[in-house]
Amino acid sequence: MPNICTAEHLLQFVSAGLAALAALTWLRASRVKAPSEITREQMDDAQGDVIPVLDRLMKAVARQSGLNALAALLAALAALCQLPQAFMPTCWG
């Protein structure tokens, strides 16, 4: 059976890993490429049909939203790993 210090160190390690994954996921979400503007040429290529242009935009928004949700979940799990440590004795050494 692991002692309390081993459990505390494991929770710290898992929490730090989850927090790092959350940060990287949010970075990926912020780097999702979305059409910056809908140009006249794009509208002409779509022959007046805005559906393809809006479809590309909505796909980018959906991808970004999914990545943000994953990052929030990872951050929440990291916080939950920290919660039990508030009630544990401190282990230094």
Protein backbone atom coordinates (compact mmCIF):
# COMPACT_ATOMS: atom_id res chain seq x y z
CA MET A 1 0.00 0.00 0.00
CA PRO A 2 1.50 3.35 -0.99
CA ASN A 3 2.10 5.89 1.70
CA ILE A 4 0.51 9.33 1.77
CA CYS A 5 3.60 11.06 0.34
CA THR A 6 3.66 8.76 -2.68
CA ALA A 7 -0.02 9.49 -3.31
CA GLU A 8 0.58 13.24 -2.97
CA HIS A 9 3.49 13.18 -5.41
CA LEU A 10 1.47 11.11 -7.87
CA LEU A 11 -1.43 13.59 -7.69
CA GLN A 12 0.97 16.50 -8.24
CA PHE A 13 2.52 14.79 -11.25
CA VAL A 14 -0.85 13.91 -12.80
CA SER A 15 -2.19 17.41 -12.14
CA ALA A 16 0.84 19.04 -13.76
CA GLY A 17 0.57 16.73 -16.77
CA LEU A 18 -3.14 17.44 -17.23
CA ALA A 19 -2.55 21.18 -16.88
CA ALA A 20 0.19 21.04 -19.52
CA LEU A 21 -2.09 19.08 -21.87
CA ALA A 22 -4.86 21.63 -21.30
CA ALA A 23 -2.50 24.48 -22.16
CA LEU A 24 -1.31 22.74 -25.33
CA THR A 25 -4.88 21.97 -26.35
CA TRP A 26 -5.89 25.60 -25.88
CA LEU A 27 -2.89 26.63 -27.94
CA ARG A 28 -4.03 24.27 -30.71
CA ALA A 29 -7.55 25.70 -30.46
CA SER A 30 -6.24 29.21 -30.88
CA ARG A 31 -4.32 28.17 -34.00
CA VAL A 32 -7.32 26.73 -35.88
CA LYS A 33 -7.34 28.26 -39.33
CA ALA A 34 -10.56 30.02 -40.16
CA PRO A 35 -11.36 32.14 -43.18
CA SER A 36 -10.47 35.64 -42.07
CA GLU A 37 -12.89 37.24 -44.46
CA ILE A 38 -15.30 36.23 -47.16
CA THR A 39 -14.00 37.82 -50.34
CA ARG A 40 -15.94 38.73 -53.43
CA GLU A 41 -13.92 36.14 -55.38
CA GLN A 42 -15.02 33.40 -52.99
CA MET A 43 -18.62 34.45 -53.44
CA ASP A 44 -18.20 34.49 -57.23
CA ASP A 45 -16.59 31.03 -57.13
CA ALA A 46 -19.53 29.82 -55.06
CA GLN A 47 -21.82 31.32 -57.75
CA GLY A 48 -23.76 33.31 -55.20
CA ASP A 49 -24.29 30.32 -52.92
CA VAL A 50 -23.03 31.24 -49.44
CA ILE A 51 -23.51 27.72 -48.09
CA PRO A 52 -20.01 26.42 -49.06
CA VAL A 53 -18.35 29.53 -47.66
CA LEU A 54 -20.33 29.39 -44.42
CA ASP A 55 -19.75 25.64 -44.22
CA ARG A 56 -15.97 26.18 -44.12
CA LEU A 57 -16.40 28.79 -41.40
CA MET A 58 -18.69 26.56 -39.33
CA LYS A 59 -16.26 23.62 -39.59
CA ALA A 60 -13.47 25.81 -38.23
CA VAL A 61 -15.70 27.09 -35.41
CA ALA A 62 -16.80 23.54 -34.55
CA ARG A 63 -13.18 22.32 -34.44
CA GLN A 64 -12.16 25.21 -32.23
CA SER A 65 -15.14 24.64 -29.95
CA GLY A 66 -14.31 20.95 -29.59
CA LEU A 67 -10.68 21.69 -28.73
CA ASN A 68 -11.75 24.32 -26.18
CA ALA A 69 -14.13 21.83 -24.56
CA LEU A 70 -11.35 19.22 -24.34
CA ALA A 71 -8.95 21.76 -22.84
CA ALA A 72 -11.54 22.79 -20.25
CA LEU A 73 -12.09 19.15 -19.32
CA LEU A 74 -8.33 18.60 -18.90
CA ALA A 75 -8.07 21.73 -16.73
CA ALA A 76 -10.98 20.54 -14.59
CA LEU A 77 -9.34 17.14 -14.12
CA ALA A 78 -6.09 18.87 -13.13
CA ALA A 79 -7.99 20.91 -10.55
CA LEU A 80 -9.70 17.78 -9.21
CA CYS A 81 -6.27 16.18 -8.72
CA GLN A 82 -5.28 19.17 -6.60
CA LEU A 83 -8.37 19.04 -4.40
CA PRO A 84 -7.40 16.00 -2.25
CA GLN A 85 -4.00 17.54 -1.62
CA ALA A 86 -5.64 20.35 0.33
CA PHE A 87 -6.56 17.80 3.00
CA MET A 88 -3.32 15.81 2.97
CA PRO A 89 -0.39 16.43 5.30
CA THR A 90 2.48 18.12 3.51
CA CYS A 91 5.34 15.83 2.51
CA TRP A 92 8.69 17.55 2.08
CA GLY A 93 11.78 15.55 1.40
